[in-house]
Amino acid sequence: MDWRKIFNVMVMEDINIKSVRYPKATDEKLEKISLKLGRTKKLVVIQMVNYFYGTKKDPVDFNDELLKKELVNGVNRIISFFKKQEKDFLLPMFTSSNGLIIIAKEHTEYFKIIWQHLQKEEKKSDGISNRMAQLEKEIARTHQYYNEKSKLKSSFREILNYYINQRESLGWPVSAAKKEELQSHVRKSLENI
């Protein structure tokens, strides 16, 4: 066996030739982090170094300027998106809404005028309806009076005919022409009642 091969294997196997000393409080924190992440302390340390080396962040800088810049850029993109939406959609919608509000106000005024006109017409139609009801009552009363007058005439006609028949049967000495004239006059008078 070649001692160089054995030496290379041993060197290759043990690449962990450096050590870092740190306080016990830091070790406790590193232990908590490694348990939380489910990794060994050694792997966590290696990953932290790679992270800071790759991102070029200063571990002392808690404010993280790159993160701030990214957040500001993200917020600016969101704000510009909202401004674009406002310009493209909201402003035209509000402009159209204002036009619709003006039209609605005009329609409201027209409806008020129409409502006032309808109220006047309703009063007129109520008056006409009341007059028609009174007219119907008067027509009914007139019809009733006409019926009563017809009954009265009929009763008088019967009385007159009875009178005439009775007078004829008594035989008064009056000429027939005079009798006929009397009968005609009485009948005419009765019809004019």
Protein backbone atom coordinates (compact mmCIF):
# COMPACT_ATOMS: atom_id res chain seq x y z
CA MET A 1 0.00 0.00 0.00
CA ASP A 2 1.02 3.44 -0.80
CA TRP A 3 1.16 5.78 2.18
CA ARG A 4 0.12 8.68 -0.05
CA LYS A 5 -3.20 7.05 -0.80
CA ILE A 6 -3.83 6.41 2.87
CA PHE A 7 -2.81 9.96 3.75
CA ASN A 8 -5.12 11.40 1.04
CA VAL A 9 -8.04 9.30 2.29
CA MET A 10 -7.45 10.53 5.81
CA VAL A 11 -7.14 14.12 4.64
CA MET A 12 -10.22 13.74 2.47
CA GLU A 13 -12.23 12.24 5.25
CA ASP A 14 -11.45 14.90 7.79
CA ILE A 15 -12.15 18.22 6.14
CA ASN A 16 -13.19 19.72 9.48
CA ILE A 17 -9.85 20.98 10.61
CA LYS A 18 -10.98 24.40 11.88
CA SER A 19 -12.85 25.11 15.08
CA VAL A 20 -14.61 28.18 16.45
CA ARG A 21 -14.94 28.99 20.11
CA TYR A 22 -17.99 30.89 21.33
CA PRO A 23 -19.77 31.51 24.65
CA LYS A 24 -22.15 29.06 26.26
CA ALA A 25 -25.19 31.39 25.77
CA THR A 26 -24.49 31.44 22.02
CA ASP A 27 -24.24 27.63 22.06
CA GLU A 28 -27.68 27.43 23.71
CA LYS A 29 -29.16 29.71 21.06
CA LEU A 30 -27.50 27.68 18.31
CA GLU A 31 -28.86 24.50 19.89
CA LYS A 32 -32.43 25.92 19.88
CA ILE A 33 -32.09 27.01 16.25
CA SER A 34 -30.74 23.63 15.14
CA LEU A 35 -33.54 21.78 17.00
CA LYS A 36 -36.15 24.04 15.48
CA LEU A 37 -34.75 23.54 11.98
CA GLY A 38 -34.06 19.83 12.50
CA ARG A 39 -30.39 20.10 11.53
CA THR A 40 -27.08 19.68 13.27
CA LYS A 41 -25.36 22.71 14.78
CA LYS A 42 -22.49 22.24 12.38
CA LEU A 43 -24.85 22.25 9.35
CA VAL A 44 -26.67 25.34 10.65
CA VAL A 45 -23.36 27.19 11.05
CA ILE A 46 -22.28 26.19 7.53
CA GLN A 47 -25.63 27.30 6.10
CA MET A 48 -25.46 30.65 7.97
CA VAL A 49 -22.01 31.34 6.59
CA ASN A 50 -23.14 30.43 3.06
CA TYR A 51 -26.22 32.65 3.46
CA PHE A 52 -24.29 35.71 4.56
CA TYR A 53 -21.56 35.05 2.00
CA GLY A 54 -24.06 34.65 -0.85
CA THR A 55 -26.34 37.58 0.05
CA LYS A 56 -23.50 39.84 1.14
CA LYS A 57 -25.54 40.87 4.15
CA ASP A 58 -24.02 42.11 7.33
CA PRO A 59 -25.28 39.96 10.23
CA VAL A 60 -25.10 42.99 12.51
CA ASP A 61 -27.50 44.94 10.27
CA PHE A 62 -30.95 43.97 11.53
CA ASN A 63 -32.64 46.54 9.30
CA ASP A 64 -31.57 44.69 6.16
CA GLU A 65 -31.46 47.39 3.48
CA LEU A 66 -31.97 44.93 0.63
CA LEU A 67 -35.14 43.65 2.22
CA LYS A 68 -36.28 47.23 2.75
CA LYS A 69 -35.61 48.03 -0.90
CA GLU A 70 -37.53 44.96 -2.02
CA LEU A 71 -40.46 45.86 0.23
CA VAL A 72 -40.46 49.46 -0.99
CA ASN A 73 -40.32 48.26 -4.59
CA GLY A 74 -43.18 45.84 -3.91
CA VAL A 75 -45.25 48.55 -2.24
CA ASN A 76 -44.50 50.94 -5.12
CA ARG A 77 -45.61 48.30 -7.64
CA ILE A 78 -48.83 47.75 -5.70
CA ILE A 79 -49.48 51.49 -5.47
CA SER A 80 -48.82 51.98 -9.19
CA PHE A 81 -51.16 49.06 -9.91
CA PHE A 82 -53.89 50.68 -7.83
CA LYS A 83 -53.32 54.05 -9.50
CA LYS A 84 -53.59 52.42 -12.92
CA GLN A 85 -56.81 50.66 -11.88
CA GLU A 86 -58.15 53.92 -10.50
CA LYS A 87 -57.30 55.75 -13.72
CA ASP A 88 -58.62 53.06 -16.05
CA PHE A 89 -61.72 51.93 -14.16
CA LEU A 90 -62.71 53.99 -11.15
CA LEU A 91 -62.44 57.48 -12.62
CA PRO A 92 -64.54 56.66 -15.71
CA MET A 93 -67.04 54.92 -13.46
CA PHE A 94 -67.29 57.95 -11.16
CA THR A 95 -67.61 60.24 -14.17
CA SER A 96 -70.44 58.08 -15.51
CA SER A 97 -71.98 57.99 -12.04
CA ASN A 98 -72.04 61.77 -11.89
CA GLY A 99 -73.87 61.87 -15.22
CA LEU A 100 -76.35 59.28 -13.97
CA ILE A 101 -76.89 61.26 -10.77
CA ILE A 102 -77.67 64.39 -12.80
CA ILE A 103 -80.11 62.45 -14.97
CA ALA A 104 -81.71 60.91 -11.87
CA LYS A 105 -82.18 64.36 -10.34
CA GLU A 106 -83.83 65.62 -13.54
CA HIS A 107 -86.10 62.58 -13.59
CA THR A 108 -86.96 63.21 -9.97
CA GLU A 109 -88.05 66.75 -10.85
CA TYR A 110 -90.14 65.43 -13.75
CA PHE A 111 -91.72 62.84 -11.49
CA LYS A 112 -92.56 65.53 -8.94
CA ILE A 113 -94.30 67.59 -11.65
CA ILE A 114 -96.16 64.52 -12.90
CA TRP A 115 -97.12 63.63 -9.31
CA GLN A 116 -98.52 67.14 -8.73
CA HIS A 117 -100.46 66.92 -11.99
CA LEU A 118 -101.81 63.49 -11.02
CA GLN A 119 -102.91 64.83 -7.63
CA LYS A 120 -104.79 67.68 -9.35
CA GLU A 121 -106.37 65.21 -11.77
CA GLU A 122 -107.31 62.97 -8.87
CA LYS A 123 -109.07 65.88 -7.15
CA LYS A 124 -110.87 66.69 -10.40
CA SER A 125 -111.91 63.09 -10.92
CA ASP A 126 -113.09 62.89 -7.29
CA GLY A 127 -115.21 66.00 -7.93
CA ILE A 128 -116.59 64.51 -11.14
CA SER A 129 -117.26 61.23 -9.37
CA ASN A 130 -119.13 63.04 -6.58
CA ARG A 131 -121.18 64.98 -9.13
CA MET A 132 -121.96 61.77 -11.02
CA ALA A 133 -123.10 60.15 -7.79
CA GLN A 134 -125.38 63.12 -7.07
CA LEU A 135 -126.65 63.03 -10.64
CA GLU A 136 -127.41 59.31 -10.32
CA LYS A 137 -129.33 59.99 -7.10
CA GLU A 138 -131.30 62.77 -8.78
CA ILE A 139 -132.02 60.55 -11.79
CA ALA A 140 -133.21 57.79 -9.45
CA ARG A 141 -135.40 60.29 -7.58
CA THR A 142 -136.78 61.65 -10.86
CA HIS A 143 -137.45 58.12 -12.03
CA GLN A 144 -139.19 57.40 -8.74
CA TYR A 145 -141.28 60.57 -9.09
CA TYR A 146 -142.12 59.62 -12.68
CA ASN A 147 -143.24 56.16 -11.54
CA GLU A 148 -145.30 57.71 -8.76
CA LYS A 149 -146.78 60.22 -11.21
CA SER A 150 -147.65 57.38 -13.63
CA LYS A 151 -149.35 55.47 -10.79
CA LEU A 152 -151.16 58.62 -9.74
CA LYS A 153 -152.32 59.26 -13.32
CA SER A 154 -153.47 55.67 -13.61
CA SER A 155 -155.41 55.99 -10.36
CA PHE A 156 -157.00 59.28 -11.52
CA ARG A 157 -157.84 57.71 -14.88
CA GLU A 158 -159.64 54.88 -13.13
CA ILE A 159 -161.47 57.36 -10.91
CA LEU A 160 -162.42 59.51 -13.89
CA ASN A 161 -163.60 56.53 -15.92
CA TYR A 162 -165.57 55.35 -12.94
CA TYR A 163 -167.05 58.87 -12.59
CA ILE A 164 -167.90 59.04 -16.28
CA ASN A 165 -169.45 55.58 -16.29
CA GLN A 166 -171.46 56.33 -13.20
CA ARG A 167 -172.65 59.66 -14.52
CA GLU A 168 -173.75 57.99 -17.76
CA SER A 169 -175.66 55.45 -15.87
CA LEU A 170 -177.54 58.16 -13.94
CA GLY A 171 -178.70 59.74 -17.21
CA TRP A 172 -178.42 63.44 -16.73
CA PRO A 173 -180.00 65.51 -19.43
CA VAL A 174 -176.84 66.93 -21.05
CA SER A 175 -176.02 66.76 -24.77
CA ALA A 176 -173.49 64.17 -25.99
CA ALA A 177 -171.16 66.85 -27.42
CA LYS A 178 -170.99 68.56 -24.06
CA LYS A 179 -170.32 65.24 -22.37
CA GLU A 180 -167.56 64.44 -24.81
CA GLU A 181 -166.00 67.89 -24.37
CA LEU A 182 -166.07 67.48 -20.58
CA GLN A 183 -164.49 64.03 -20.80
CA SER A 184 -161.75 65.25 -23.16
CA HIS A 185 -160.95 68.26 -20.96
CA VAL A 186 -160.75 66.16 -17.81
CA ARG A 187 -158.53 63.55 -19.54
CA LYS A 188 -156.19 66.26 -20.89
CA SER A 189 -155.96 67.90 -17.48
CA LEU A 190 -155.16 64.55 -15.95
CA GLU A 191 -152.35 63.89 -18.47
CA ASN A 192 -150.79 67.29 -17.69
CA ILE A 193 -150.46 66.49 -13.99
